[in-house]
């Protein structure tokens, strides 16, 4: 996933200055703990769940949604060929069947994937869901009128590079075959063992061609999930969902669908959201948020209130904040200098700048330290402890020809509170000073920052960056950042080191052929360790998300796949 499309701060920007009750204990049970669900923890059917969000669920069309994120609001309406397991923590990183009978049947080289639909699948109007409908929605996602969705299929499908969608080319994509109403076959340009993970995205939801209203489809989409859209006002600012009478739990073992109605209101101030959730008055007792985090100030106040502390859910998401190097800029062409920076970094102060240990965890490898990404193979090629090792850094600088230290520039975003912002930049500056490295800070406004650091023509020698995954695998992490064939000369380039190592490229291709995701994860972990030894980046932290939920909310589930509360599991008291 491009860091431009969804950063952890966009997943839930920190709200500051909230007036909450002051007080005592550390931030209560994590999601899934029985105490976090109240004394009556048994989930019941019925009632209305209220979702209070800051960011609107814009373009509520399965072809236009980048993922089925937004706290899984889209996945209440759109089922896909596969989906993520609706389970807490790491257990939620597993891909499972949804509309399909399994997670896919690959060819030997993983260039052809075949799926069969379950029996008894119906839309909200009672008509049968067919594979032709899934093929049609995928083709819709190529239409310029419905831009915004994930870009992978244009690159992965045979003959899709110049396809303009069914409105201009009704013949469709020959690389997607539907030999019968329950079978769909995908032909890929290259091996992709991650295809079942991609098939969780909403472009794999069915859309009946006869019901397609183009750019207006988001207003009254045809539901394949447990809820149908009653109203969609102001392009996702207020969405009301009610039960789909033709959805069957017998065909869907993931979504619990406890409430009768789900009312999603967006565009709210973040401090107001947390204030309403903490007070829990009236309807707000039955409310959650999927995009508004608690910041350090809020957490400090909440810790004094045992009741509030028990209503804080903890989420993790595959994301890494790091220092990026451009080895084409001196002195970062010298690996000893890059290693010195890696040893000098004080991750404790970076964590403090990010809001403290409740909101960030130290990162020593580029891949998140989760089995789905690295197969349980964590690495630390430059072990310096939590506070850094300035003595080792000075030793390396001397070996690099800088016995008296050196002066460098660190480019950062001026957006306060961001992972690339001035607080983190200052923490890095202070840590490197102890190792004899004088850091000049170059702060740029957000758009100017992106334009500079993600262009091979203007990319500085050292800057702050972050990267997250569209699904839990090493592929969407290591590919865009270290595959030399993904270097973009004229446009946004994320391979900041401009690494084009044939051995790395070849290993990426080899892992892409592996359809056993657990085995692939171990290989991704080993590749991460190998690349990490080149000191092309300095991993800093993995963010953590803390979110309040209403006092009458039951069955809180937060998976590591999304890091947000899964409203397909929630019940109200």
Protein backbone atom coordinates (compact mmCIF):
# COMPACT_ATOMS: atom_id res chain seq x y z
CA UNK A 1 0.00 0.00 0.00
CA UNK A 2 1.22 3.43 -0.86
CA UNK A 3 1.93 5.56 2.18
CA UNK A 4 -0.01 8.26 0.35
CA UNK A 5 -3.18 6.23 0.32
CA UNK A 6 -3.54 5.33 3.97
CA UNK A 7 -1.09 6.24 6.71
CA UNK A 8 -1.65 5.16 10.30
CA UNK A 9 -2.55 8.72 11.18
CA UNK A 10 -5.22 8.61 8.46
CA UNK A 11 -6.42 5.34 9.91
CA UNK A 12 -7.09 7.32 13.06
CA UNK A 13 -5.67 10.78 13.52
CA UNK A 14 -4.87 11.53 17.16
CA UNK A 15 -7.37 13.83 18.84
CA UNK A 16 -5.79 16.23 21.33
CA UNK A 17 -7.23 18.29 24.16
CA UNK A 18 -10.16 16.07 25.09
CA UNK A 19 -11.82 16.76 28.44
CA UNK A 20 -12.09 13.35 30.10
CA UNK A 21 -12.26 12.31 33.69
CA UNK A 22 -8.84 12.35 35.38
CA UNK A 23 -7.47 9.46 37.37
CA UNK A 24 -5.69 6.15 38.07
CA UNK A 25 -4.86 2.86 36.26
CA UNK A 26 -3.07 1.99 33.06
CA UNK A 27 -5.11 1.75 29.92
CA UNK A 28 -7.33 -1.25 30.68
CA UNK A 29 -7.82 -4.53 28.92
CA UNK A 30 -6.97 -5.00 25.29
CA UNK A 31 -9.63 -5.82 22.76
CA UNK A 32 -11.06 -9.29 23.23
CA UNK A 33 -10.56 -9.34 27.01
CA UNK A 34 -13.81 -10.27 28.70
CA UNK A 35 -13.53 -7.38 31.14
CA UNK A 36 -13.54 -5.00 28.19
CA UNK A 37 -17.07 -6.08 27.36
CA UNK A 38 -18.81 -5.23 30.61
CA UNK A 39 -20.40 -7.39 33.25
CA UNK A 40 -22.95 -8.74 30.78
CA UNK A 41 -20.57 -9.83 28.04
CA UNK A 42 -23.03 -12.01 26.11
CA UNK A 43 -23.70 -10.44 22.68
CA UNK A 44 -27.38 -10.13 21.75
CA UNK A 45 -29.16 -9.51 18.46
CA UNK A 46 -31.10 -6.31 17.96
CA UNK A 47 -30.79 -2.59 18.57
CA UNK A 48 -28.91 0.13 16.72
CA UNK A 49 -25.14 0.52 16.59
CA UNK A 50 -23.90 4.09 16.11
CA UNK A 51 -20.54 4.74 14.45
CA UNK A 52 -18.98 8.16 15.12
CA UNK A 53 -16.18 8.94 12.67
CA UNK A 54 -14.08 11.86 11.56
CA UNK A 55 -13.50 10.85 7.94
CA UNK A 56 -16.51 10.23 5.64
CA UNK A 57 -16.80 6.87 3.90
CA UNK A 58 -16.49 8.56 0.49
CA UNK A 59 -17.30 6.81 -2.77
CA UNK A 60 -19.18 3.91 -1.23
CA UNK A 61 -18.88 1.91 -4.43
CA UNK A 62 -17.02 -1.43 -4.35
CA UNK A 63 -15.08 -0.47 -7.46
CA UNK A 64 -13.88 2.80 -5.93
CA UNK A 65 -13.01 1.71 -2.39
CA UNK A 66 -9.30 1.15 -1.96
CA UNK A 67 -9.89 -1.56 0.62
CA UNK A 68 -12.85 -2.67 2.67
CA UNK A 69 -11.51 -0.57 5.56
CA UNK A 70 -13.38 2.13 7.39
CA UNK A 71 -13.82 -0.27 10.31
CA UNK A 72 -15.28 -2.80 7.88
CA UNK A 73 -18.33 -0.68 7.05
CA UNK A 74 -18.12 -1.65 3.35
CA UNK A 75 -17.84 -5.35 4.17
CA UNK A 76 -21.25 -5.18 5.86
CA UNK A 77 -22.73 -4.54 2.42
CA UNK A 78 -20.21 -6.09 0.04
CA UNK A 79 -19.04 -9.67 0.38
CA UNK A 80 -15.97 -10.70 -1.60
CA UNK A 81 -14.43 -13.94 -2.87
CA UNK A 82 -12.29 -14.15 0.27
CA UNK A 83 -12.17 -12.11 3.45
CA UNK A 84 -10.07 -11.68 6.57
CA UNK A 85 -10.80 -13.84 9.59
CA UNK A 86 -12.90 -11.80 12.03
CA UNK A 87 -10.75 -12.52 15.07
CA UNK A 88 -8.68 -10.60 17.59
CA UNK A 89 -5.03 -9.77 17.07
CA UNK A 90 -2.79 -12.03 15.02
CA UNK A 91 -5.59 -14.56 14.49
CA UNK A 92 -7.27 -11.91 12.36
CA UNK A 93 -4.38 -11.92 9.87
CA UNK A 94 -5.65 -15.12 8.26
CA UNK A 95 -7.42 -15.07 4.89
CA UNK A 96 -10.59 -17.22 4.75
CA UNK A 97 -13.33 -17.97 2.17
CA UNK A 98 -16.26 -15.56 1.87
CA UNK A 99 -18.40 -15.95 -1.26
CA UNK A 100 -16.02 -18.66 -2.46
CA UNK A 101 -15.84 -22.22 -1.17
CA UNK A 102 -12.12 -21.87 -0.43
CA UNK A 103 -9.31 -19.35 -0.73
CA UNK A 104 -8.62 -20.32 -4.34
CA UNK A 105 -7.18 -23.11 -6.44
CA UNK A 106 -3.81 -22.04 -7.93
CA UNK A 107 -2.04 -23.44 -10.94
CA UNK A 108 1.41 -24.89 -10.32
CA UNK A 109 3.11 -21.56 -10.93
CA UNK A 110 0.34 -19.44 -9.30
CA UNK A 111 -0.44 -17.63 -12.57
CA UNK A 112 -3.98 -19.03 -12.79
CA UNK A 113 -6.44 -18.89 -9.88
CA UNK A 114 -9.85 -20.60 -9.87
CA UNK A 115 -12.74 -19.99 -7.47
CA UNK A 116 -16.15 -21.62 -7.01
CA UNK A 117 -19.07 -19.89 -5.30
CA UNK A 118 -20.96 -21.33 -2.35
CA UNK A 119 -24.55 -22.50 -2.76
CA UNK A 120 -27.44 -20.27 -1.76
CA UNK A 121 -25.82 -16.85 -2.22
CA UNK A 122 -28.37 -14.08 -2.77
CA UNK A 123 -28.60 -10.32 -3.13
CA UNK A 124 -30.95 -8.22 -1.01
CA UNK A 125 -33.69 -8.65 -3.63
CA UNK A 126 -33.44 -12.44 -3.49
CA UNK A 127 -31.77 -12.93 -6.88
CA UNK A 128 -28.77 -15.24 -7.13
CA UNK A 129 -25.21 -13.96 -7.00
CA UNK A 130 -23.15 -15.16 -9.97
CA UNK A 131 -19.49 -15.10 -10.95
CA UNK A 132 -20.41 -12.90 -13.94
CA UNK A 133 -21.36 -10.23 -11.39
CA UNK A 134 -17.92 -10.44 -9.74
CA UNK A 135 -16.20 -10.23 -13.12
CA UNK A 136 -18.33 -7.18 -13.95
CA UNK A 137 -17.40 -5.29 -10.77
CA UNK A 138 -13.71 -5.97 -11.36
CA UNK A 139 -14.10 -4.57 -14.87
CA UNK A 140 -15.97 -1.54 -13.49
CA UNK A 141 -12.94 -0.78 -11.32
CA UNK A 142 -10.96 0.00 -14.49
CA UNK A 143 -13.38 2.74 -15.59
CA UNK A 144 -12.08 6.30 -15.30
CA UNK A 145 -15.46 7.35 -13.88
CA UNK A 146 -14.94 4.98 -10.94
CA UNK A 147 -11.30 5.69 -10.12
CA UNK A 148 -9.85 5.31 -6.65
CA UNK A 149 -9.70 1.57 -6.14
CA UNK A 150 -6.62 -0.59 -5.61
CA UNK A 151 -4.25 -0.66 -8.61
CA UNK A 152 -3.04 -4.25 -8.43
CA UNK A 153 -5.34 -5.87 -10.98
CA UNK A 154 -4.25 -3.53 -13.75
CA UNK A 155 -0.73 -4.82 -13.25
CA UNK A 156 -1.53 -8.44 -12.42
CA UNK A 157 -4.20 -9.46 -14.96
CA UNK A 158 -3.20 -10.46 -18.48
CA UNK A 159 -4.17 -7.74 -20.97
CA UNK A 160 -5.41 -5.30 -18.34
CA UNK A 161 -2.81 -2.54 -18.69
CA UNK A 162 -4.80 -0.52 -21.26
CA UNK A 163 -8.32 -1.69 -20.39
CA UNK A 164 -10.78 1.21 -19.86
CA UNK A 165 -13.70 -0.58 -18.24
CA UNK A 166 -17.03 -1.98 -19.48
CA UNK A 167 -18.61 1.39 -20.31
CA UNK A 168 -16.05 1.88 -23.11
CA UNK A 169 -15.20 -1.76 -23.80
CA UNK A 170 -18.21 -4.01 -23.14
CA UNK A 171 -16.30 -7.07 -24.34
CA UNK A 172 -14.59 -7.12 -20.97
CA UNK A 173 -11.35 -8.75 -19.88
CA UNK A 174 -10.61 -12.10 -21.48
CA UNK A 175 -8.19 -12.85 -18.63
CA UNK A 176 -11.22 -13.32 -16.34
CA UNK A 177 -13.29 -16.33 -17.37
CA UNK A 178 -16.69 -17.38 -16.02
CA UNK A 179 -17.37 -20.79 -17.59
CA UNK A 180 -20.52 -21.10 -15.46
CA UNK A 181 -22.48 -19.10 -12.89
CA UNK A 182 -20.44 -20.47 -9.99
CA UNK A 183 -16.90 -20.60 -11.42
CA UNK A 184 -14.45 -17.77 -12.06
CA UNK A 185 -10.89 -18.09 -13.36
CA UNK A 186 -8.17 -15.41 -13.29
CA UNK A 187 -5.15 -15.43 -15.63
CA UNK A 188 -2.20 -13.42 -14.30
CA UNK A 189 0.85 -11.96 -16.02
CA UNK A 190 3.15 -13.40 -13.35
CA UNK A 191 3.08 -15.65 -10.31
CA UNK A 192 1.14 -14.18 -7.37
CA UNK A 193 0.88 -16.36 -4.29
CA UNK A 194 -0.81 -13.45 -2.50
CA UNK A 195 -3.84 -13.53 -4.82
CA UNK A 196 -6.22 -14.85 -2.11
CA UNK A 197 -5.26 -11.81 -0.01
CA UNK A 198 -5.98 -9.45 -2.89
CA UNK A 199 -9.36 -11.15 -3.39
CA UNK A 200 -10.50 -9.69 -0.04
CA UNK A 201 -10.69 -6.24 -1.63
CA UNK A 202 -14.06 -4.79 -2.58
CA UNK A 203 -13.41 -4.87 -6.32
CA UNK A 204 -14.04 -8.63 -5.89
CA UNK A 205 -17.61 -7.97 -4.70
CA UNK A 206 -20.50 -8.81 -7.04
CA UNK A 207 -22.39 -6.06 -8.88
CA UNK A 208 -25.29 -7.11 -11.16
CA UNK A 209 -24.85 -5.36 -14.51
CA UNK A 210 -28.58 -4.65 -14.79
CA UNK A 211 -28.52 -2.73 -11.51
CA UNK A 212 -25.38 -0.69 -12.22
CA UNK A 213 -26.06 3.06 -12.15
CA UNK A 214 -22.48 4.13 -12.75
CA UNK A 215 -21.28 6.99 -10.57
CA UNK A 216 -24.59 6.92 -8.63
CA UNK A 217 -24.29 3.25 -7.65
CA UNK A 218 -22.85 4.20 -4.24
CA UNK A 219 -26.16 5.83 -3.28
CA UNK A 220 -28.21 2.61 -3.56
CA UNK A 221 -25.89 -0.37 -4.07
CA UNK A 222 -27.23 -3.91 -4.22
CA UNK A 223 -26.15 -5.70 -1.06
CA UNK A 224 -24.54 -9.12 -0.92
CA UNK A 225 -23.73 -8.76 2.78
CA UNK A 226 -25.76 -8.81 6.03
CA UNK A 227 -26.89 -5.17 5.66
CA UNK A 228 -28.37 -3.05 2.88
CA UNK A 229 -28.06 0.70 2.44
CA UNK A 230 -31.14 2.63 3.56
CA UNK A 231 -29.59 6.02 2.83
CA UNK A 232 -26.22 7.50 1.87
CA UNK A 233 -26.16 11.26 2.37
CA UNK A 234 -23.49 13.71 1.20
CA UNK A 235 -21.19 11.06 -0.26
CA UNK A 236 -20.75 8.95 2.85
CA UNK A 237 -21.18 11.60 5.52
CA UNK A 238 -24.22 9.80 6.92
CA UNK A 239 -24.90 6.17 6.01
CA UNK A 240 -27.74 4.14 7.50
CA UNK A 241 -27.79 0.35 7.12
CA UNK A 242 -30.49 -2.18 7.98
CA UNK A 243 -30.64 -5.95 7.85
CA UNK A 244 -30.57 -7.63 4.46
CA UNK A 245 -33.43 -10.16 4.71
CA UNK A 246 -31.84 -12.43 2.10
CA UNK A 247 -28.42 -12.69 3.75
CA UNK A 248 -27.90 -16.10 5.32
CA UNK A 249 -25.60 -16.81 8.25
CA UNK A 250 -25.34 -20.34 6.86
CA UNK A 251 -23.25 -19.01 3.96
CA UNK A 252 -21.27 -16.52 6.06
CA UNK A 253 -19.36 -17.77 9.09
CA UNK A 254 -17.46 -14.50 9.59
CA UNK A 255 -19.94 -11.65 10.04
CA UNK A 256 -22.03 -11.84 13.20
CA UNK A 257 -24.47 -9.03 12.25
CA UNK A 258 -25.93 -8.53 15.74
CA UNK A 259 -27.54 -5.05 15.46
CA UNK A 260 -30.72 -4.51 13.46
CA UNK A 261 -29.52 -1.11 12.25
CA UNK A 262 -26.12 0.55 11.87
CA UNK A 263 -25.96 4.34 11.74
CA UNK A 264 -22.63 5.77 10.52
CA UNK A 265 -22.12 9.51 11.02
CA UNK A 266 -18.89 11.12 9.81
CA UNK A 267 -17.32 14.55 9.58
CA UNK A 268 -17.26 14.90 13.37
CA UNK A 269 -14.51 16.64 15.31
CA UNK A 270 -12.19 14.05 16.83
CA UNK A 271 -12.25 15.59 20.31
CA UNK A 272 -16.05 15.62 20.20
CA UNK A 273 -16.12 11.94 19.20
CA UNK A 274 -14.02 10.91 22.20
CA UNK A 275 -15.97 13.21 24.48
CA UNK A 276 -19.27 11.64 23.45
CA UNK A 277 -17.91 8.11 23.78
CA UNK A 278 -16.52 8.79 27.25
CA UNK A 279 -19.77 10.36 28.49
CA UNK A 280 -21.89 7.57 27.00
CA UNK A 281 -25.14 9.54 27.24
CA UNK A 282 -28.18 8.18 25.40
CA UNK A 283 -27.36 6.76 21.98
CA UNK A 284 -23.65 7.30 22.56
CA UNK A 285 -23.64 4.35 24.98
CA UNK A 286 -24.21 2.21 21.85
CA UNK A 287 -21.52 3.95 19.81
CA UNK A 288 -18.02 3.18 18.54
CA UNK A 289 -15.43 4.92 16.39
CA UNK A 290 -13.27 3.27 13.77
CA UNK A 291 -11.00 6.17 12.88
CA UNK A 292 -10.37 8.35 15.95
CA UNK A 293 -7.50 7.47 18.24
CA UNK A 294 -6.75 8.50 21.78
CA UNK A 295 -3.58 10.55 22.11
CA UNK A 296 -1.21 10.82 25.07
CA UNK A 297 -3.20 13.59 26.77
CA UNK A 298 -6.43 11.60 26.57
CA UNK A 299 -4.77 8.40 27.77
CA UNK A 300 -3.28 10.19 30.77
CA UNK A 301 -6.75 11.28 31.83
CA UNK A 302 -8.47 7.99 31.07
CA UNK A 303 -6.02 5.96 33.13
CA UNK A 304 -7.52 7.42 36.27
CA UNK A 305 -10.97 6.05 35.57
CA UNK A 306 -11.32 2.28 35.81
CA UNK A 307 -14.62 2.23 33.93
CA UNK A 308 -13.21 4.27 31.04
CA UNK A 309 -9.97 2.29 30.99
CA UNK A 310 -11.96 -0.91 30.48
CA UNK A 311 -13.47 0.62 27.35
CA UNK A 312 -10.25 1.20 25.44
CA UNK A 313 -9.54 -1.15 22.56
CA UNK A 314 -5.96 -1.70 21.38
CA UNK A 315 -5.19 -2.19 17.71
CA UNK A 316 -2.11 -3.01 15.67
CA UNK A 317 -1.73 -2.61 11.93
CA UNK A 318 1.16 -3.58 9.66
CA UNK A 319 2.97 -0.24 9.45
CA UNK A 320 6.56 0.88 9.93
CA UNK A 321 7.91 4.39 10.49
CA UNK A 322 11.53 4.67 9.37
CA UNK A 323 14.44 6.80 8.21
CA UNK A 324 14.97 6.48 4.46
CA UNK A 325 18.35 6.93 2.78
CA UNK A 326 19.24 7.88 -0.78
CA UNK A 327 22.68 6.28 -1.26
CA UNK A 328 23.25 8.43 -4.35
CA UNK A 329 23.61 11.46 -2.07
CA UNK A 330 26.85 11.83 -0.08
CA UNK A 331 27.72 10.85 2.62
CA UNK A 332 25.00 8.18 2.51
CA UNK A 333 26.76 6.42 -0.34
CA UNK A 334 29.02 5.08 2.42
CA UNK A 335 27.39 2.13 4.19
CA UNK A 336 29.42 2.87 7.31
CA UNK A 337 27.67 6.24 7.63
CA UNK A 338 24.26 4.61 7.25
CA UNK A 339 25.22 2.00 9.85
CA UNK A 340 26.36 4.76 12.20
CA UNK A 341 22.94 6.41 11.98
CA UNK A 342 21.31 3.03 12.67
CA UNK A 343 23.37 2.57 15.83
CA UNK A 344 22.94 6.17 16.98
CA UNK A 345 19.14 6.23 16.85
CA UNK A 346 17.43 6.30 20.25
CA UNK A 347 14.09 4.55 19.73
CA UNK A 348 12.98 5.40 23.26
CA UNK A 349 12.97 9.11 22.47
CA UNK A 350 11.29 8.46 19.12
CA UNK A 351 8.55 6.54 20.92
CA UNK A 352 8.16 9.42 23.37
CA UNK A 353 7.85 11.81 20.42
CA UNK A 354 5.17 9.53 18.95
CA UNK A 355 3.10 9.72 22.16
CA UNK A 356 4.70 7.13 24.41
CA UNK A 357 4.91 3.36 24.70
CA UNK A 358 1.12 2.99 24.66
CA UNK A 359 1.04 4.39 21.12
CA UNK A 360 4.23 3.05 19.55
CA UNK A 361 6.53 0.03 19.74
CA UNK A 362 10.21 -0.11 18.73
CA UNK A 363 10.99 -1.40 15.23
CA UNK A 364 14.33 -2.97 14.33
CA UNK A 365 13.27 -4.58 11.04
CA UNK A 366 11.46 -3.09 8.08
CA UNK A 367 8.74 -5.74 8.14
CA UNK A 368 6.30 -5.53 11.06
CA UNK A 369 7.20 -8.02 13.77
CA UNK A 370 4.21 -10.26 13.08
CA UNK A 371 4.28 -13.85 11.83
CA UNK A 372 2.03 -13.03 8.86
CA UNK A 373 4.73 -10.69 7.55
CA UNK A 374 8.02 -12.30 8.59
CA UNK A 375 7.13 -15.87 9.57
CA UNK A 376 8.15 -15.15 13.15
CA UNK A 377 11.71 -14.31 12.08
CA UNK A 378 12.43 -10.93 13.66
CA UNK A 379 15.79 -9.30 13.01
CA UNK A 380 18.00 -6.52 14.35
CA UNK A 381 21.06 -6.15 12.11
CA UNK A 382 22.45 -3.24 14.15
CA UNK A 383 21.65 -4.06 17.79
CA UNK A 384 22.01 -0.90 19.83
CA UNK A 385 19.41 -1.35 22.53
CA UNK A 386 16.42 0.89 23.08
CA UNK A 387 18.57 3.98 23.71
CA UNK A 388 21.04 3.58 20.85
CA UNK A 389 24.81 3.04 20.92
CA UNK A 390 26.57 6.37 20.21
CA UNK A 391 30.01 4.87 20.93
CA UNK A 392 29.56 2.25 18.22
CA UNK A 393 28.26 4.95 15.87
CA UNK A 394 31.38 7.08 16.46
CA UNK A 395 33.58 4.06 15.75
CA UNK A 396 31.82 3.51 12.42
CA UNK A 397 32.12 7.18 11.50
CA UNK A 398 35.86 6.97 12.09
CA UNK A 399 36.04 3.92 9.79
CA UNK A 400 34.05 5.89 7.20
CA UNK A 401 36.60 8.73 7.30
CA UNK A 402 34.80 11.08 9.64
CA UNK A 403 36.78 10.90 12.93
CA UNK A 404 35.52 14.32 13.93
CA UNK A 405 31.90 13.63 13.06
CA UNK A 406 29.89 15.10 10.20
CA UNK A 407 26.90 17.29 9.38
CA UNK A 408 23.84 15.95 7.50
CA UNK A 409 20.31 17.11 6.68
CA UNK A 410 17.10 15.32 7.69
CA UNK A 411 14.02 16.24 5.64
CA UNK A 412 10.67 15.97 7.41
CA UNK A 413 7.02 16.96 7.16
CA UNK A 414 5.97 20.02 9.15
CA UNK A 415 2.66 18.33 9.99
CA UNK A 416 2.70 18.11 13.79
CA UNK A 417 1.79 14.80 15.34
CA UNK A 418 2.61 12.85 12.18
CA UNK A 419 5.04 9.98 11.91
CA UNK A 420 7.15 12.12 9.57
CA UNK A 421 6.72 15.29 11.64
CA UNK A 422 8.95 17.68 13.60
CA UNK A 423 8.63 15.85 16.94
CA UNK A 424 10.18 12.67 15.56
CA UNK A 425 12.73 14.65 13.53
CA UNK A 426 13.89 16.47 16.68
CA UNK A 427 14.21 13.18 18.57
CA UNK A 428 16.43 11.79 15.80
CA UNK A 429 18.44 15.02 15.74
CA UNK A 430 19.16 14.84 19.48
CA UNK A 431 20.14 11.17 19.38
CA UNK A 432 22.56 11.58 16.47
CA UNK A 433 24.19 14.57 18.15
CA UNK A 434 25.47 12.22 20.90
CA UNK A 435 27.30 10.25 18.20
CA UNK A 436 28.96 13.31 16.67
CA UNK A 437 26.45 13.70 13.84
CA UNK A 438 25.07 17.22 13.54
CA UNK A 439 21.60 17.09 11.95
CA UNK A 440 20.10 20.10 10.19
CA UNK A 441 16.32 19.83 9.95
CA UNK A 442 14.62 20.63 6.65
CA UNK A 443 10.89 20.90 7.36
CA UNK A 444 8.49 21.09 4.42
CA UNK A 445 4.72 21.51 4.16
CA UNK A 446 3.03 18.16 3.56
CA UNK A 447 2.50 18.36 -0.22
CA UNK A 448 5.93 19.89 -0.81
CA UNK A 449 7.48 17.17 1.36
CA UNK A 450 5.84 14.38 -0.65
CA UNK A 451 6.76 15.98 -3.96
CA UNK A 452 10.41 16.25 -2.93
CA UNK A 453 11.09 12.93 -1.21
CA UNK A 454 9.16 10.71 -3.62
CA UNK A 455 10.84 11.97 -6.80
CA UNK A 456 14.13 10.43 -7.95
CA UNK A 457 15.07 13.87 -9.30
CA UNK A 458 14.76 15.74 -6.00
CA UNK A 459 14.99 13.01 -3.33
CA UNK A 460 17.19 14.12 -0.40
CA UNK A 461 19.84 11.97 1.23
CA UNK A 462 17.91 11.28 4.45
CA UNK A 463 14.24 11.75 5.31
CA UNK A 464 11.45 10.38 7.49
CA UNK A 465 9.01 7.95 5.91
CA UNK A 466 6.33 5.37 6.68
CA UNK A 467 4.88 2.36 4.91
CA UNK A 468 1.88 0.13 5.50
CA UNK A 469 0.33 -2.94 3.92
CA UNK A 470 -2.93 -3.51 2.09
CA UNK A 471 -2.81 -7.05 3.44
CA UNK A 472 -0.60 -8.91 5.95
CA UNK A 473 2.26 -10.18 3.80
CA UNK A 474 5.85 -9.23 3.11
CA UNK A 475 5.07 -8.69 -0.58
CA UNK A 476 3.31 -5.32 -0.37
CA UNK A 477 6.05 -4.16 2.00
CA UNK A 478 9.31 -5.23 0.39
CA UNK A 479 8.21 -5.08 -3.26
CA UNK A 480 7.42 -1.35 -3.63
CA UNK A 481 10.38 -0.30 -1.44
CA UNK A 482 13.18 -2.61 -2.64
CA UNK A 483 12.23 -4.15 -6.01
CA UNK A 484 14.36 -2.32 -8.58
CA UNK A 485 11.78 -2.93 -11.31
CA UNK A 486 9.35 -0.74 -9.37
CA UNK A 487 11.58 2.34 -9.46
CA UNK A 488 9.55 5.15 -11.03
CA UNK A 489 11.65 7.69 -12.91
CA UNK A 490 8.81 10.09 -13.77
CA UNK A 491 6.30 10.04 -10.94
CA UNK A 492 6.03 8.99 -7.29
CA UNK A 493 8.85 6.60 -6.46
CA UNK A 494 8.90 4.71 -3.15
CA UNK A 495 12.15 2.78 -3.68
CA UNK A 496 14.07 5.58 -1.97
CA UNK A 497 17.35 3.67 -1.94
CA UNK A 498 16.88 3.05 -5.68
CA UNK A 499 18.00 -0.49 -5.00
CA UNK A 500 18.03 -2.63 -8.14
CA UNK A 501 19.71 -5.81 -7.00
CA UNK A 502 19.08 -8.78 -9.37
CA UNK A 503 19.35 -11.19 -6.43
CA UNK A 504 16.68 -9.30 -4.47
CA UNK A 505 14.43 -9.02 -7.51
CA UNK A 506 14.81 -12.73 -8.21
CA UNK A 507 14.01 -13.68 -4.62
CA UNK A 508 10.85 -11.54 -4.72
CA UNK A 509 9.77 -13.42 -7.85
CA UNK A 510 10.51 -16.76 -6.19
CA UNK A 511 8.49 -15.93 -3.09
CA UNK A 512 5.60 -14.68 -5.22
CA UNK A 513 5.25 -18.21 -6.59
CA UNK A 514 4.66 -19.67 -3.11
CA UNK A 515 0.98 -20.26 -2.36
CA UNK A 516 1.58 -21.49 1.19
CA UNK A 517 1.35 -18.11 2.91
CA UNK A 518 3.08 -19.29 6.09
CA UNK A 519 6.04 -20.62 4.09
CA UNK A 520 6.14 -17.42 2.05
CA UNK A 521 6.19 -15.33 5.24
CA UNK A 522 9.36 -17.09 6.42
CA UNK A 523 11.04 -16.32 3.12
CA UNK A 524 9.90 -12.68 3.32
CA UNK A 525 11.41 -12.52 6.80
CA UNK A 526 14.72 -13.89 5.58
CA UNK A 527 14.77 -11.42 2.68
CA UNK A 528 13.95 -8.57 5.05
CA UNK A 529 16.94 -9.54 7.18
CA UNK A 530 19.23 -9.70 4.13
CA UNK A 531 18.14 -6.29 2.86
CA UNK A 532 18.28 -4.85 6.37
CA UNK A 533 21.99 -5.62 6.58
CA UNK A 534 22.56 -3.05 3.81
CA UNK A 535 21.28 -0.25 6.10
CA UNK A 536 19.12 1.27 3.37
CA UNK A 537 16.56 2.25 5.99
CA UNK A 538 16.51 2.64 9.76
CA UNK A 539 13.22 1.24 11.14
CA UNK A 540 12.01 3.36 14.06
CA UNK A 541 8.60 2.32 15.40
CA UNK A 542 5.41 0.41 14.69
CA UNK A 543 2.34 2.47 15.72
CA UNK A 544 -0.32 1.27 18.17
CA UNK A 545 -3.93 2.48 18.18
CA UNK A 546 -6.07 3.15 21.24
CA UNK A 547 -9.80 3.80 20.75
CA UNK A 548 -12.73 4.29 23.11
CA UNK A 549 -16.07 2.56 22.65
CA UNK A 550 -19.47 3.07 24.27
CA UNK A 551 -20.36 1.56 27.64
CA UNK A 552 -23.07 -0.72 26.21
CA UNK A 553 -20.88 -2.14 23.41
CA UNK A 554 -20.24 -5.89 23.50
CA UNK A 555 -18.03 -8.32 21.56
CA UNK A 556 -15.13 -6.04 20.67
CA UNK A 557 -12.84 -7.57 18.04
CA UNK A 558 -9.76 -5.79 16.64
CA UNK A 559 -7.62 -7.75 14.19
CA UNK A 560 -4.02 -7.02 13.27
CA UNK A 561 -5.11 -6.94 9.61
CA UNK A 562 -6.86 -3.58 9.99
CA UNK A 563 -6.03 -2.37 13.49
CA UNK A 564 -9.58 -1.01 13.86
CA UNK A 565 -12.67 -2.23 15.67
CA UNK A 566 -14.61 -4.69 13.50
CA UNK A 567 -18.24 -3.61 13.48
CA UNK A 568 -19.31 -6.87 11.85
CA UNK A 569 -18.76 -8.45 15.29
CA UNK A 570 -20.15 -5.77 17.61
CA UNK A 571 -23.36 -6.07 19.60
CA UNK A 572 -25.17 -3.51 21.73
CA UNK A 573 -26.45 -4.33 25.20
